[in-house]
N, C-alpha and C. Protein backbone atom coordinates (compact mmCIF):
# COMPACT_ATOMS: atom_id res chain seq x y z
N MET A 1 29.04 3.58 -10.19
CA MET A 1 28.05 3.51 -11.27
C MET A 1 26.90 4.48 -10.98
N ASN A 2 26.48 5.19 -11.99
CA ASN A 2 25.34 6.11 -11.89
C ASN A 2 24.09 5.31 -11.57
N LYS A 3 23.33 5.82 -10.60
CA LYS A 3 22.13 5.11 -10.15
C LYS A 3 21.15 4.83 -11.29
N LYS A 4 21.01 5.75 -12.24
CA LYS A 4 20.01 5.59 -13.29
C LYS A 4 20.66 5.31 -14.65
N LYS A 5 21.71 4.51 -14.63
CA LYS A 5 22.38 4.14 -15.87
C LYS A 5 22.77 2.67 -15.78
N LEU A 6 22.53 1.95 -16.85
CA LEU A 6 22.86 0.53 -16.90
C LEU A 6 24.28 0.33 -17.40
N THR A 7 24.84 -0.82 -17.09
CA THR A 7 26.15 -1.18 -17.64
C THR A 7 25.97 -1.53 -19.12
N PRO A 8 27.04 -1.52 -19.89
CA PRO A 8 26.91 -1.92 -21.31
C PRO A 8 26.30 -3.32 -21.46
N GLU A 9 26.65 -4.23 -20.57
CA GLU A 9 26.10 -5.59 -20.63
C GLU A 9 24.60 -5.59 -20.36
N GLN A 10 24.18 -4.80 -19.37
CA GLN A 10 22.75 -4.70 -19.07
C GLN A 10 21.99 -4.08 -20.25
N ASN A 11 22.58 -3.04 -20.86
CA ASN A 11 21.96 -2.42 -22.04
C ASN A 11 21.74 -3.44 -23.14
N GLU A 12 22.79 -4.19 -23.44
CA GLU A 12 22.71 -5.18 -24.51
C GLU A 12 21.67 -6.25 -24.21
N SER A 13 21.64 -6.73 -22.99
CA SER A 13 20.66 -7.75 -22.60
C SER A 13 19.24 -7.22 -22.70
N LEU A 14 19.01 -6.00 -22.18
CA LEU A 14 17.67 -5.42 -22.24
C LEU A 14 17.24 -5.18 -23.68
N LEU A 15 18.11 -4.65 -24.51
CA LEU A 15 17.75 -4.40 -25.91
C LEU A 15 17.38 -5.70 -26.62
N LYS A 16 18.04 -6.80 -26.31
CA LYS A 16 17.68 -8.09 -26.90
C LYS A 16 16.28 -8.51 -26.47
N ILE A 17 15.99 -8.34 -25.19
CA ILE A 17 14.67 -8.71 -24.66
C ILE A 17 13.59 -7.87 -25.34
N LEU A 18 13.82 -6.55 -25.42
CA LEU A 18 12.83 -5.65 -26.01
C LEU A 18 12.63 -5.93 -27.49
N LYS A 19 13.73 -6.20 -28.20
CA LYS A 19 13.62 -6.51 -29.64
C LYS A 19 12.82 -7.80 -29.85
N THR A 20 13.12 -8.82 -29.08
CA THR A 20 12.40 -10.09 -29.20
C THR A 20 10.90 -9.90 -28.94
N ARG A 21 10.57 -9.14 -27.87
CA ARG A 21 9.16 -8.89 -27.55
C ARG A 21 8.50 -8.07 -28.66
N PHE A 22 9.21 -7.07 -29.18
CA PHE A 22 8.71 -6.23 -30.27
C PHE A 22 8.36 -7.09 -31.48
N GLU A 23 9.28 -7.97 -31.87
CA GLU A 23 9.08 -8.81 -33.06
C GLU A 23 7.99 -9.86 -32.85
N LYS A 24 7.83 -10.31 -31.63
CA LYS A 24 6.82 -11.33 -31.32
C LYS A 24 5.40 -10.73 -31.28
N ASN A 25 5.30 -9.43 -31.07
CA ASN A 25 3.99 -8.78 -30.88
C ASN A 25 3.76 -7.64 -31.87
N MET A 26 3.99 -7.90 -33.14
CA MET A 26 3.88 -6.85 -34.16
C MET A 26 2.47 -6.24 -34.23
N HIS A 27 1.46 -6.95 -33.77
CA HIS A 27 0.10 -6.41 -33.78
C HIS A 27 -0.02 -5.17 -32.88
N ARG A 28 0.90 -4.98 -31.96
CA ARG A 28 0.87 -3.81 -31.06
C ARG A 28 1.44 -2.56 -31.72
N HIS A 29 2.21 -2.72 -32.78
CA HIS A 29 2.92 -1.58 -33.36
C HIS A 29 3.16 -1.77 -34.86
N LYS A 30 2.09 -1.99 -35.58
CA LYS A 30 2.18 -2.17 -37.02
C LYS A 30 2.90 -0.98 -37.65
N ASP A 31 3.67 -1.27 -38.66
CA ASP A 31 4.38 -0.26 -39.46
C ASP A 31 5.53 0.44 -38.74
N LEU A 32 5.90 -0.01 -37.54
CA LEU A 32 7.05 0.57 -36.85
C LEU A 32 8.27 -0.32 -37.06
N LYS A 33 9.43 0.30 -37.10
CA LYS A 33 10.68 -0.42 -37.33
C LYS A 33 11.54 -0.40 -36.07
N TRP A 34 11.98 -1.58 -35.65
CA TRP A 34 12.77 -1.70 -34.43
C TRP A 34 14.07 -0.88 -34.50
N GLU A 35 14.71 -0.82 -35.65
CA GLU A 35 15.99 -0.13 -35.76
C GLU A 35 15.88 1.33 -35.33
N LYS A 36 14.81 2.01 -35.72
CA LYS A 36 14.61 3.41 -35.33
C LYS A 36 14.41 3.53 -33.82
N ILE A 37 13.66 2.62 -33.27
CA ILE A 37 13.40 2.63 -31.83
C ILE A 37 14.69 2.37 -31.07
N GLN A 38 15.47 1.40 -31.52
CA GLN A 38 16.72 1.07 -30.84
C GLN A 38 17.68 2.26 -30.84
N LYS A 39 17.76 2.98 -31.95
CA LYS A 39 18.64 4.17 -32.01
C LYS A 39 18.22 5.20 -30.97
N LYS A 40 16.91 5.42 -30.85
CA LYS A 40 16.43 6.38 -29.84
C LYS A 40 16.75 5.89 -28.43
N LEU A 41 16.59 4.61 -28.20
CA LEU A 41 16.89 4.04 -26.88
C LEU A 41 18.38 4.17 -26.55
N GLU A 42 19.23 3.86 -27.52
CA GLU A 42 20.67 3.94 -27.30
C GLU A 42 21.13 5.38 -27.02
N ALA A 43 20.38 6.35 -27.52
CA ALA A 43 20.70 7.76 -27.28
C ALA A 43 20.13 8.27 -25.96
N SER A 44 19.36 7.43 -25.25
CA SER A 44 18.71 7.85 -24.00
C SER A 44 18.94 6.83 -22.90
N PRO A 45 20.13 6.83 -22.29
CA PRO A 45 20.42 5.83 -21.25
C PRO A 45 19.45 5.86 -20.08
N GLU A 46 18.93 7.03 -19.74
CA GLU A 46 17.98 7.11 -18.63
C GLU A 46 16.65 6.43 -18.97
N LYS A 47 16.28 6.45 -20.25
CA LYS A 47 15.05 5.76 -20.68
C LYS A 47 15.26 4.24 -20.64
N LEU A 48 16.46 3.81 -21.03
CA LEU A 48 16.77 2.38 -20.93
C LEU A 48 16.72 1.93 -19.48
N TRP A 49 17.23 2.77 -18.58
CA TRP A 49 17.18 2.44 -17.15
C TRP A 49 15.73 2.27 -16.70
N SER A 50 14.86 3.18 -17.12
CA SER A 50 13.44 3.09 -16.74
C SER A 50 12.80 1.83 -17.32
N LEU A 51 13.11 1.52 -18.56
CA LEU A 51 12.57 0.29 -19.17
C LEU A 51 13.07 -0.94 -18.42
N ASN A 52 14.31 -0.89 -17.96
CA ASN A 52 14.84 -2.00 -17.18
C ASN A 52 14.08 -2.14 -15.86
N GLU A 53 13.73 -1.02 -15.24
CA GLU A 53 12.92 -1.06 -14.02
C GLU A 53 11.56 -1.71 -14.30
N MET A 54 10.97 -1.37 -15.44
CA MET A 54 9.69 -1.99 -15.82
C MET A 54 9.89 -3.49 -16.02
N GLU A 55 10.96 -3.86 -16.67
CA GLU A 55 11.24 -5.27 -16.93
C GLU A 55 11.52 -6.02 -15.64
N GLU A 56 12.28 -5.42 -14.73
CA GLU A 56 12.62 -6.07 -13.46
C GLU A 56 11.39 -6.35 -12.60
N THR A 57 10.35 -5.55 -12.76
CA THR A 57 9.11 -5.76 -12.00
C THR A 57 8.07 -6.53 -12.83
N GLU A 58 8.57 -7.22 -13.85
CA GLU A 58 7.76 -8.09 -14.70
C GLU A 58 6.64 -7.37 -15.44
N GLY A 59 6.93 -6.13 -15.84
CA GLY A 59 5.95 -5.36 -16.60
C GLY A 59 5.91 -5.70 -18.08
N GLU A 60 6.95 -6.36 -18.59
CA GLU A 60 7.02 -6.72 -19.99
C GLU A 60 6.76 -5.52 -20.91
N PRO A 61 7.57 -4.44 -20.78
CA PRO A 61 7.33 -3.25 -21.60
C PRO A 61 7.47 -3.51 -23.09
N ASP A 62 6.59 -2.87 -23.86
CA ASP A 62 6.62 -2.98 -25.31
C ASP A 62 6.09 -1.67 -25.89
N VAL A 63 6.41 -1.42 -27.15
CA VAL A 63 5.95 -0.23 -27.85
C VAL A 63 4.47 -0.41 -28.20
N ILE A 64 3.65 0.58 -27.82
CA ILE A 64 2.23 0.50 -28.16
C ILE A 64 1.75 1.66 -29.01
N ASP A 65 2.62 2.67 -29.22
CA ASP A 65 2.19 3.84 -29.99
C ASP A 65 3.40 4.62 -30.47
N HIS A 66 3.18 5.47 -31.47
CA HIS A 66 4.20 6.39 -31.98
C HIS A 66 3.51 7.69 -32.34
N HIS A 67 4.10 8.79 -31.90
CA HIS A 67 3.56 10.12 -32.23
C HIS A 67 4.46 10.75 -33.28
N PRO A 68 4.00 10.80 -34.53
CA PRO A 68 4.85 11.33 -35.62
C PRO A 68 5.29 12.78 -35.42
N LYS A 69 4.42 13.62 -34.86
CA LYS A 69 4.78 15.03 -34.67
C LYS A 69 5.97 15.20 -33.74
N THR A 70 6.01 14.44 -32.67
CA THR A 70 7.10 14.55 -31.70
C THR A 70 8.16 13.46 -31.91
N ASP A 71 7.87 12.51 -32.79
CA ASP A 71 8.71 11.34 -33.03
C ASP A 71 9.01 10.60 -31.73
N GLU A 72 7.99 10.47 -30.89
CA GLU A 72 8.14 9.74 -29.63
C GLU A 72 7.45 8.39 -29.75
N TYR A 73 8.15 7.37 -29.23
CA TYR A 73 7.59 6.04 -29.13
C TYR A 73 7.09 5.86 -27.71
N ILE A 74 5.91 5.26 -27.57
CA ILE A 74 5.31 5.06 -26.26
C ILE A 74 5.43 3.58 -25.89
N PHE A 75 6.13 3.34 -24.80
CA PHE A 75 6.22 2.00 -24.23
C PHE A 75 5.20 1.91 -23.10
N ALA A 76 4.65 0.73 -22.89
CA ALA A 76 3.74 0.49 -21.76
C ALA A 76 3.97 -0.93 -21.24
N ASP A 77 3.57 -1.13 -19.99
CA ASP A 77 3.60 -2.46 -19.40
C ASP A 77 2.59 -3.33 -20.13
N CYS A 78 3.05 -4.42 -20.73
CA CYS A 78 2.16 -5.31 -21.48
C CYS A 78 2.08 -6.71 -20.87
N SER A 79 2.43 -6.84 -19.60
CA SER A 79 2.31 -8.13 -18.93
C SER A 79 0.84 -8.51 -18.85
N PRO A 80 0.52 -9.80 -18.93
CA PRO A 80 -0.89 -10.20 -18.89
C PRO A 80 -1.62 -9.70 -17.64
N GLU A 81 -0.96 -9.76 -16.49
CA GLU A 81 -1.56 -9.25 -15.25
C GLU A 81 -0.75 -8.05 -14.77
N SER A 82 -1.30 -7.30 -13.85
CA SER A 82 -0.63 -6.11 -13.34
C SER A 82 0.79 -6.48 -12.88
N PRO A 83 1.79 -5.67 -13.23
CA PRO A 83 3.17 -5.99 -12.87
C PRO A 83 3.37 -6.21 -11.37
N LYS A 84 4.50 -6.79 -11.02
CA LYS A 84 4.83 -7.11 -9.63
C LYS A 84 5.23 -5.87 -8.84
N ARG A 85 4.40 -4.87 -8.90
CA ARG A 85 4.51 -3.69 -8.05
C ARG A 85 3.10 -3.41 -7.55
N ARG A 86 2.73 -4.21 -6.57
CA ARG A 86 1.35 -4.24 -6.08
C ARG A 86 1.30 -3.90 -4.60
N SER A 87 0.10 -3.97 -4.04
CA SER A 87 -0.12 -3.63 -2.63
C SER A 87 0.36 -2.22 -2.33
N LEU A 88 -0.01 -1.30 -3.20
CA LEU A 88 0.37 0.10 -3.07
C LEU A 88 -0.89 0.95 -3.04
N CYS A 89 -0.96 1.92 -2.12
CA CYS A 89 -2.07 2.85 -2.21
C CYS A 89 -1.77 3.82 -3.37
N TYR A 90 -2.66 4.76 -3.63
CA TYR A 90 -2.54 5.56 -4.85
C TYR A 90 -1.38 6.55 -4.82
N ASP A 91 -1.32 7.40 -3.80
CA ASP A 91 -0.28 8.44 -3.76
C ASP A 91 0.20 8.69 -2.33
N TYR A 92 1.16 9.59 -2.17
CA TYR A 92 1.75 9.84 -0.86
C TYR A 92 0.74 10.36 0.16
N PRO A 93 -0.10 11.36 -0.19
CA PRO A 93 -1.09 11.80 0.80
C PRO A 93 -1.99 10.66 1.30
N ALA A 94 -2.36 9.75 0.40
CA ALA A 94 -3.17 8.60 0.81
C ALA A 94 -2.37 7.69 1.73
N TRP A 95 -1.12 7.45 1.38
CA TRP A 95 -0.24 6.61 2.21
C TRP A 95 -0.07 7.24 3.59
N GLU A 96 0.18 8.55 3.61
CA GLU A 96 0.41 9.26 4.86
C GLU A 96 -0.83 9.25 5.75
N SER A 97 -2.01 9.26 5.15
CA SER A 97 -3.26 9.31 5.92
C SER A 97 -3.59 8.00 6.62
N ARG A 98 -2.97 6.91 6.20
CA ARG A 98 -3.25 5.61 6.83
C ARG A 98 -2.69 5.60 8.25
N LYS A 99 -3.51 5.25 9.18
CA LYS A 99 -3.08 5.20 10.59
C LYS A 99 -2.44 3.85 10.92
N ALA A 100 -2.91 2.79 10.28
CA ALA A 100 -2.40 1.45 10.57
C ALA A 100 -2.23 0.68 9.26
N ASN A 101 -1.40 -0.33 9.29
CA ASN A 101 -1.19 -1.21 8.15
C ASN A 101 -0.82 -0.45 6.87
N LYS A 102 0.14 0.45 6.99
CA LYS A 102 0.57 1.19 5.80
C LYS A 102 1.26 0.24 4.83
N PRO A 103 0.97 0.39 3.54
CA PRO A 103 1.69 -0.42 2.56
C PRO A 103 3.13 0.09 2.44
N GLU A 104 3.93 -0.65 1.71
CA GLU A 104 5.33 -0.28 1.51
C GLU A 104 5.48 1.12 0.89
N SER A 105 4.63 1.44 -0.08
CA SER A 105 4.75 2.70 -0.80
C SER A 105 3.43 3.02 -1.48
N ASN A 106 3.52 3.86 -2.51
CA ASN A 106 2.33 4.23 -3.28
C ASN A 106 2.67 4.24 -4.76
N ALA A 107 1.64 4.12 -5.58
CA ALA A 107 1.82 3.97 -7.03
C ALA A 107 2.46 5.20 -7.68
N ILE A 108 2.02 6.38 -7.31
CA ILE A 108 2.55 7.60 -7.94
C ILE A 108 4.05 7.76 -7.67
N ASP A 109 4.45 7.61 -6.41
CA ASP A 109 5.88 7.76 -6.08
C ASP A 109 6.71 6.64 -6.68
N LYS A 110 6.19 5.42 -6.67
CA LYS A 110 6.92 4.28 -7.23
C LYS A 110 7.15 4.50 -8.73
N ALA A 111 6.12 4.97 -9.43
CA ALA A 111 6.27 5.26 -10.86
C ALA A 111 7.32 6.35 -11.08
N ALA A 112 7.27 7.40 -10.28
CA ALA A 112 8.24 8.50 -10.42
C ALA A 112 9.66 7.99 -10.17
N GLU A 113 9.84 7.13 -9.17
CA GLU A 113 11.16 6.55 -8.90
C GLU A 113 11.67 5.77 -10.10
N MET A 114 10.77 5.15 -10.83
CA MET A 114 11.12 4.34 -11.99
C MET A 114 11.28 5.20 -13.25
N GLY A 115 10.87 6.45 -13.20
CA GLY A 115 10.94 7.33 -14.36
C GLY A 115 9.82 7.13 -15.35
N ILE A 116 8.69 6.59 -14.87
CA ILE A 116 7.54 6.34 -15.75
C ILE A 116 6.30 7.03 -15.17
N GLU A 117 5.21 6.98 -15.91
CA GLU A 117 3.94 7.55 -15.46
C GLU A 117 2.86 6.49 -15.48
N LEU A 118 1.87 6.64 -14.61
CA LEU A 118 0.72 5.74 -14.65
C LEU A 118 -0.03 5.97 -15.96
N LEU A 119 -0.62 4.91 -16.48
CA LEU A 119 -1.44 5.05 -17.68
C LEU A 119 -2.66 5.91 -17.38
N THR A 120 -3.10 6.65 -18.36
CA THR A 120 -4.37 7.36 -18.26
C THR A 120 -5.48 6.38 -18.61
N GLU A 121 -6.71 6.77 -18.40
CA GLU A 121 -7.83 5.90 -18.79
C GLU A 121 -7.77 5.65 -20.30
N GLU A 122 -7.51 6.68 -21.07
CA GLU A 122 -7.46 6.53 -22.53
C GLU A 122 -6.35 5.54 -22.94
N GLN A 123 -5.17 5.66 -22.33
CA GLN A 123 -4.08 4.74 -22.63
C GLN A 123 -4.43 3.31 -22.21
N TYR A 124 -5.06 3.18 -21.06
CA TYR A 124 -5.43 1.85 -20.58
C TYR A 124 -6.41 1.19 -21.55
N ARG A 125 -7.41 1.94 -21.98
CA ARG A 125 -8.39 1.38 -22.92
C ARG A 125 -7.74 1.04 -24.26
N LYS A 126 -6.80 1.87 -24.69
CA LYS A 126 -6.09 1.59 -25.95
C LYS A 126 -5.26 0.31 -25.79
N LEU A 127 -4.60 0.15 -24.66
CA LEU A 127 -3.83 -1.05 -24.40
C LEU A 127 -4.73 -2.29 -24.48
N GLN A 128 -5.92 -2.18 -23.93
CA GLN A 128 -6.85 -3.32 -23.92
C GLN A 128 -7.32 -3.69 -25.32
N GLN A 129 -7.18 -2.79 -26.28
CA GLN A 129 -7.51 -3.12 -27.68
C GLN A 129 -6.42 -3.97 -28.32
N LEU A 130 -5.24 -4.00 -27.67
CA LEU A 130 -4.10 -4.75 -28.21
C LEU A 130 -3.98 -6.15 -27.61
N GLY A 131 -4.80 -6.45 -26.62
CA GLY A 131 -4.74 -7.75 -25.96
C GLY A 131 -5.70 -7.78 -24.79
N LYS A 132 -5.63 -8.84 -24.02
CA LYS A 132 -6.48 -8.97 -22.83
C LYS A 132 -5.58 -8.89 -21.61
N PHE A 133 -5.69 -7.81 -20.87
CA PHE A 133 -4.84 -7.54 -19.72
C PHE A 133 -5.68 -7.40 -18.45
N ASP A 134 -5.07 -7.72 -17.32
CA ASP A 134 -5.72 -7.58 -16.01
C ASP A 134 -7.03 -8.36 -15.92
N GLN A 135 -6.99 -9.62 -16.31
CA GLN A 135 -8.19 -10.46 -16.19
C GLN A 135 -8.33 -11.05 -14.78
N LYS A 136 -7.25 -11.00 -13.99
CA LYS A 136 -7.30 -11.48 -12.60
C LYS A 136 -6.82 -10.41 -11.63
N THR A 137 -6.23 -9.35 -12.14
CA THR A 137 -5.70 -8.27 -11.31
C THR A 137 -6.36 -6.97 -11.72
N SER A 138 -5.95 -5.88 -11.10
CA SER A 138 -6.42 -4.55 -11.51
C SER A 138 -5.23 -3.59 -11.42
N SER A 139 -5.37 -2.44 -12.06
CA SER A 139 -4.27 -1.47 -12.10
C SER A 139 -4.78 -0.07 -11.81
N TRP A 140 -4.09 0.61 -10.86
CA TRP A 140 -4.35 2.03 -10.65
C TRP A 140 -4.05 2.75 -11.96
N ILE A 141 -4.84 3.75 -12.28
CA ILE A 141 -4.56 4.62 -13.42
C ILE A 141 -4.55 6.06 -12.93
N LYS A 142 -4.07 6.96 -13.78
CA LYS A 142 -4.00 8.37 -13.42
C LYS A 142 -5.41 8.86 -13.08
N THR A 143 -5.56 9.37 -11.86
CA THR A 143 -6.87 9.79 -11.37
C THR A 143 -7.13 11.26 -11.68
N PRO A 144 -8.30 11.59 -12.19
CA PRO A 144 -8.64 12.99 -12.42
C PRO A 144 -8.59 13.78 -11.11
N PRO A 145 -8.08 15.01 -11.14
CA PRO A 145 -7.93 15.82 -9.91
C PRO A 145 -9.22 15.98 -9.12
N GLU A 146 -10.35 16.12 -9.82
CA GLU A 146 -11.62 16.32 -9.11
C GLU A 146 -12.02 15.11 -8.28
N ILE A 147 -11.62 13.93 -8.70
CA ILE A 147 -11.89 12.71 -7.92
C ILE A 147 -10.89 12.61 -6.77
N ARG A 148 -9.63 12.89 -7.08
CA ARG A 148 -8.59 12.77 -6.04
C ARG A 148 -8.81 13.77 -4.91
N GLU A 149 -9.28 14.98 -5.24
CA GLU A 149 -9.52 16.01 -4.23
C GLU A 149 -10.59 15.58 -3.22
N LEU A 150 -11.45 14.66 -3.63
CA LEU A 150 -12.51 14.16 -2.75
C LEU A 150 -12.09 12.87 -2.02
N GLY A 151 -10.82 12.48 -2.18
CA GLY A 151 -10.32 11.31 -1.46
C GLY A 151 -10.31 10.02 -2.25
N GLY A 152 -10.78 10.06 -3.48
CA GLY A 152 -10.86 8.84 -4.28
C GLY A 152 -9.70 8.68 -5.24
N ALA A 153 -9.63 7.52 -5.83
CA ALA A 153 -8.68 7.21 -6.90
C ALA A 153 -9.34 6.17 -7.78
N VAL A 154 -8.86 6.04 -9.01
CA VAL A 154 -9.51 5.12 -9.96
C VAL A 154 -8.54 4.03 -10.43
N PHE A 155 -9.13 2.91 -10.79
CA PHE A 155 -8.38 1.79 -11.32
C PHE A 155 -9.23 1.09 -12.36
N CYS A 156 -8.60 0.24 -13.14
CA CYS A 156 -9.30 -0.49 -14.20
C CYS A 156 -8.90 -1.96 -14.16
N ASP A 157 -9.74 -2.76 -14.79
CA ASP A 157 -9.43 -4.15 -15.04
C ASP A 157 -10.29 -4.64 -16.19
N ARG A 158 -10.12 -5.90 -16.54
CA ARG A 158 -10.91 -6.50 -17.62
C ARG A 158 -11.60 -7.74 -17.06
N ARG A 159 -12.90 -7.73 -17.10
CA ARG A 159 -13.70 -8.88 -16.68
C ARG A 159 -14.84 -9.04 -17.69
N TYR A 160 -15.26 -10.26 -17.92
CA TYR A 160 -16.39 -10.54 -18.82
C TYR A 160 -16.19 -9.90 -20.19
N ASN A 161 -14.92 -9.89 -20.63
CA ASN A 161 -14.55 -9.31 -21.93
C ASN A 161 -14.90 -7.83 -22.04
N THR A 162 -14.90 -7.14 -20.90
CA THR A 162 -15.22 -5.72 -20.84
C THR A 162 -14.20 -5.02 -19.94
N VAL A 163 -13.79 -3.82 -20.33
CA VAL A 163 -12.88 -3.02 -19.51
C VAL A 163 -13.73 -2.20 -18.54
N PHE A 164 -13.46 -2.37 -17.25
CA PHE A 164 -14.20 -1.65 -16.21
C PHE A 164 -13.33 -0.57 -15.61
N TYR A 165 -13.97 0.54 -15.27
CA TYR A 165 -13.35 1.72 -14.65
C TYR A 165 -14.02 1.85 -13.29
N TYR A 166 -13.22 1.75 -12.22
CA TYR A 166 -13.78 1.75 -10.87
C TYR A 166 -13.16 2.86 -10.02
N HIS A 167 -13.72 3.00 -8.83
CA HIS A 167 -13.18 3.94 -7.85
C HIS A 167 -12.93 3.21 -6.55
N ASN A 168 -12.08 3.80 -5.73
CA ASN A 168 -11.80 3.28 -4.40
C ASN A 168 -11.22 4.45 -3.61
N GLY A 169 -11.15 4.30 -2.30
CA GLY A 169 -10.43 5.29 -1.52
C GLY A 169 -8.97 5.24 -1.93
N ALA A 170 -8.33 6.38 -2.08
CA ALA A 170 -6.94 6.42 -2.54
C ALA A 170 -6.00 5.72 -1.56
N ASP A 171 -6.44 5.57 -0.30
CA ASP A 171 -5.57 4.92 0.68
C ASP A 171 -5.72 3.40 0.70
N SER A 172 -6.60 2.86 -0.14
CA SER A 172 -6.78 1.41 -0.17
C SER A 172 -5.63 0.76 -0.94
N TYR A 173 -5.41 -0.50 -0.63
CA TYR A 173 -4.42 -1.27 -1.39
C TYR A 173 -4.77 -2.75 -1.29
N TYR A 174 -4.44 -3.46 -2.35
CA TYR A 174 -4.78 -4.88 -2.44
C TYR A 174 -3.63 -5.64 -3.10
N ALA A 175 -3.48 -6.88 -2.72
CA ALA A 175 -2.41 -7.71 -3.28
C ALA A 175 -2.55 -7.91 -4.79
N ALA A 176 -3.76 -7.80 -5.30
CA ALA A 176 -4.00 -8.00 -6.73
C ALA A 176 -4.09 -6.67 -7.50
N ARG A 177 -3.78 -5.55 -6.85
CA ARG A 177 -3.83 -4.27 -7.56
C ARG A 177 -2.45 -3.63 -7.59
N GLY A 178 -2.00 -3.37 -8.80
CA GLY A 178 -0.73 -2.68 -9.00
C GLY A 178 -0.96 -1.46 -9.86
N PHE A 179 0.00 -1.18 -10.73
CA PHE A 179 -0.19 -0.11 -11.69
C PHE A 179 0.60 -0.44 -12.95
N ARG A 180 0.09 0.06 -14.04
CA ARG A 180 0.77 -0.05 -15.34
C ARG A 180 1.33 1.31 -15.71
N GLY A 181 2.56 1.29 -16.19
CA GLY A 181 3.21 2.55 -16.52
C GLY A 181 3.42 2.72 -17.99
N SER A 182 3.75 3.96 -18.36
CA SER A 182 4.12 4.29 -19.74
C SER A 182 5.39 5.12 -19.72
N LEU A 183 6.09 5.08 -20.83
CA LEU A 183 7.33 5.82 -20.99
C LEU A 183 7.42 6.31 -22.41
N ARG A 184 7.72 7.60 -22.56
CA ARG A 184 7.92 8.20 -23.89
C ARG A 184 9.41 8.21 -24.20
N VAL A 185 9.74 7.72 -25.39
CA VAL A 185 11.15 7.68 -25.81
C VAL A 185 11.28 8.41 -27.14
């Protein structure tokens, strides 16, 4: 079996889960039709594999946007709290710089392995307009190069009904900090 391809049974099961979530959360994607999205997914087995990776780590992926010019649907992790891919520093250089107590991995490489990208600040804030996420956890987001070059990385969460944008050393990691990903289909 191809490493990044699901079996027909896995495809069918995942598509049922995604369709159910899509129909249950229409406020996230008004005016979009599941049938069009499903056709695009069925034509992209590698994207289905990535969505399955998001689902397996309890990310609860759902459609949050559509770009008419490119006809791309944007899926994002919509789990109430940061998905079960936590205790990760920001990227490989940060992981490599740790002398002791290295975490299992880092958010950037883990996302790449899954075929997804970390949310940008703009995407994270847009997601927060669709619901209340990360009220007990936090999520690494794509860090601007000028911050990363100085050793930092950024993350967000929601507290006091407000979305906060914070900084930390890129080599830090916490049990309550993971990352939210996005996927273009």
